[in-house]
Every structure is written in C-alpha cells, then in structure tokens.
Amino acid sequence: MKIMAVGDAYVFGLGIKNIYPQEENFRIKFRVVDAKATSGGLSNLVTTDETIDGWLARNRFGVITIPNMGEKIVPIIVEVGPKVSVTQDTVTGTYTFEILVEYEKTSQFWDRYDAAEHLLAIKVR
C-alpha cells in the first residue's frame, strides 16, 4: 500500500520467479477490485470505469521470458489521475488493484501462474 495524492507517481516492483523446469513466458494484467471513498470515518463505494485504468497507463506490459529458476523484477508505475470514471473525480479513499501474473500454457492459452492474490492498494489523501 502507498499513500499518494492526485498527480503523484510511484514505481512498485513485482517479483516473478520461474519455478518451471524450462524457460517460460509470463505476462501481467490488472483490474480494479475495490474503490472506497473515506469521509468522516465512513467508507462508501466509488463507481469506476476504464478511466481509472489510466492510472497504470504508463506501463507497457509485454511478454516476459524468464529462464528456469530465473527471477525478474517488473516495475509497475502508478500515477494517480484526477478522475476514476468519466463522471467521477478522484476522491480521498482507497483504490485496490489486482495484479494477475499468467504464464503461456500453449501458444493460444494463458493460465494463472500462482494462486496468490497480488493486491496493490493506493490510499489517496
């Protein structure tokens, strides 16, 4: 979790270790799982749309090739934007993203790499 303000940018690091017996391709995807405004000690859900995806728009998540037992640290850039949806400004609260790591099971199918849930929480002040 990181405390940020509108306009702030921060780089997180996501570590990926290939435990498979051969070189594998991985990719990263993300989605908003929760957005709650905080006011006077109360939390209220905030409606978001694809506008909030702009917070991670500076990332260019391509295919990451990692050798057997190799590791890679992938930077994840978050820049808190002024809006979370077309009609909703960013307000004080907590915005949580799920970071999903997948591996290339076949040339046309990607599967979740691990069962762990990677959550990235941004607390906007």
Protein backbone atom coordinates (compact mmCIF):
# COMPACT_ATOMS: atom_id res chain seq x y z
CA MET A 1 0.00 0.00 0.00
CA LYS A 2 1.14 3.52 -0.77
CA ILE A 3 -0.33 6.84 0.34
CA MET A 4 -0.47 9.24 -2.62
CA ALA A 5 -2.20 12.39 -3.85
CA VAL A 6 -3.72 13.21 -7.23
CA GLY A 7 -0.85 13.76 -9.66
CA ASP A 8 1.65 11.66 -7.66
CA ALA A 9 3.50 8.83 -9.39
CA TYR A 10 5.26 5.86 -7.80
CA VAL A 11 7.04 2.76 -9.09
CA PHE A 12 6.36 -0.54 -7.37
CA GLY A 13 8.32 -3.74 -8.08
CA LEU A 14 6.66 -7.08 -8.76
CA GLY A 15 8.92 -10.11 -8.47
CA ILE A 16 8.28 -13.13 -10.69
CA LYS A 17 10.24 -16.38 -10.26
CA ASN A 18 10.01 -19.15 -12.85
CA ILE A 19 9.75 -22.43 -10.93
CA TYR A 20 9.07 -24.48 -14.06
CA PRO A 21 11.79 -26.83 -15.43
CA GLN A 22 12.17 -24.81 -18.63
CA GLU A 23 12.12 -21.22 -19.87
CA GLU A 24 8.60 -19.77 -19.75
CA ASN A 25 6.76 -16.70 -20.97
CA PHE A 26 4.79 -14.63 -18.48
CA ARG A 27 2.51 -11.61 -18.72
CA ILE A 28 0.89 -9.21 -16.29
CA LYS A 29 -2.70 -7.99 -16.25
CA PHE A 30 -4.52 -5.82 -13.76
CA ARG A 31 -8.05 -4.87 -12.77
CA VAL A 32 -9.68 -2.68 -10.15
CA VAL A 33 -11.21 -4.82 -7.42
CA ASP A 34 -12.31 -2.17 -4.95
CA ALA A 35 -12.67 1.59 -4.68
CA LYS A 36 -13.89 3.18 -1.47
CA ALA A 37 -14.16 6.84 -0.58
CA THR A 38 -13.40 7.77 3.01
CA SER A 39 -15.14 10.66 4.72
CA GLY A 40 -15.59 11.24 8.44
CA GLY A 41 -14.54 7.68 9.26
CA LEU A 42 -17.11 6.15 6.90
CA SER A 43 -16.38 4.26 3.67
CA ASN A 44 -18.56 4.39 0.58
CA LEU A 45 -18.10 2.54 -2.69
CA VAL A 46 -16.87 4.63 -5.59
CA THR A 47 -18.07 3.82 -9.10
CA THR A 48 -15.17 3.44 -11.52
CA ASP A 49 -14.88 2.67 -15.21
CA GLU A 50 -11.97 2.21 -17.62
CA THR A 51 -10.88 5.79 -16.82
CA ILE A 52 -9.10 4.51 -13.70
CA ASP A 53 -7.02 2.19 -15.93
CA GLY A 54 -5.20 5.38 -16.89
CA TRP A 55 -3.52 5.26 -13.50
CA LEU A 56 -1.43 2.36 -14.87
CA ALA A 57 -1.29 3.57 -18.50
CA ARG A 58 2.44 4.33 -18.41
CA ASN A 59 3.18 0.60 -18.14
CA ARG A 60 3.92 -1.43 -21.23
CA PHE A 61 3.29 -4.95 -20.01
CA GLY A 62 4.61 -7.20 -22.75
CA VAL A 63 5.62 -10.85 -22.68
CA ILE A 64 8.34 -11.52 -20.12
CA THR A 65 10.60 -14.51 -20.81
CA ILE A 66 12.27 -15.99 -17.73
CA PRO A 67 14.69 -18.95 -17.74
CA ASN A 68 14.19 -21.95 -15.43
CA MET A 69 14.64 -20.85 -11.79
CA GLY A 70 15.27 -17.30 -13.02
CA GLU A 71 13.73 -14.21 -11.49
CA LYS A 72 12.61 -10.87 -12.86
CA ILE A 73 11.54 -7.69 -11.08
CA VAL A 74 8.92 -5.91 -13.16
CA PRO A 75 8.31 -2.20 -12.46
CA ILE A 76 4.68 -1.17 -12.08
CA ILE A 77 4.15 2.56 -12.49
CA VAL A 78 1.10 4.08 -10.82
CA GLU A 79 0.13 7.68 -11.46
CA VAL A 80 -2.96 8.86 -9.58
CA GLY A 81 -5.19 10.60 -12.08
CA PRO A 82 -7.78 13.31 -11.45
CA LYS A 83 -10.69 11.01 -12.37
CA VAL A 84 -11.77 7.42 -11.67
CA SER A 85 -14.59 7.45 -14.20
CA VAL A 86 -15.95 9.75 -16.87
CA THR A 87 -18.27 11.36 -14.31
CA GLN A 88 -16.37 10.81 -11.02
CA ASP A 89 -13.38 12.79 -9.78
CA THR A 90 -10.75 11.02 -7.69
CA VAL A 91 -11.69 11.42 -4.05
CA THR A 92 -9.99 10.62 -0.76
CA GLY A 93 -10.12 6.88 -0.23
CA THR A 94 -8.55 3.53 -1.05
CA TYR A 95 -8.30 2.10 -4.56
CA THR A 96 -7.27 -1.55 -4.85
CA PHE A 97 -5.99 -3.28 -7.99
CA GLU A 98 -5.43 -7.00 -8.51
CA ILE A 99 -2.17 -7.71 -10.32
CA LEU A 100 -2.50 -11.02 -12.16
CA VAL A 101 0.53 -12.98 -13.38
CA GLU A 102 -0.12 -15.52 -16.14
CA TYR A 103 2.13 -17.96 -17.95
CA GLU A 104 1.87 -19.17 -21.52
CA LYS A 105 0.46 -22.67 -21.28
CA THR A 106 0.16 -23.01 -25.08
CA SER A 107 0.63 -20.59 -27.94
CA GLN A 108 -3.06 -19.64 -27.67
CA PHE A 109 -3.79 -20.08 -23.95
CA TRP A 110 -2.52 -18.29 -20.85
CA ASP A 111 -3.14 -19.60 -17.34
CA ARG A 112 -2.84 -18.05 -13.90
CA TYR A 113 0.71 -18.57 -12.67
CA ASP A 114 0.09 -18.87 -8.95
CA ALA A 115 -2.79 -18.97 -6.55
CA ALA A 116 -1.52 -15.97 -4.59
CA GLU A 117 -3.55 -12.82 -4.93
CA HIS A 118 -1.32 -9.81 -5.62
CA LEU A 119 -3.09 -6.68 -4.46
CA LEU A 120 -1.86 -3.15 -4.93
CA ALA A 121 -3.65 -0.63 -2.71
CA ILE A 122 -3.40 3.11 -3.26
CA LYS A 123 -4.65 5.32 -0.48
CA VAL A 124 -5.44 8.77 -1.86
CA ARG A 125 -5.24 11.62 0.60
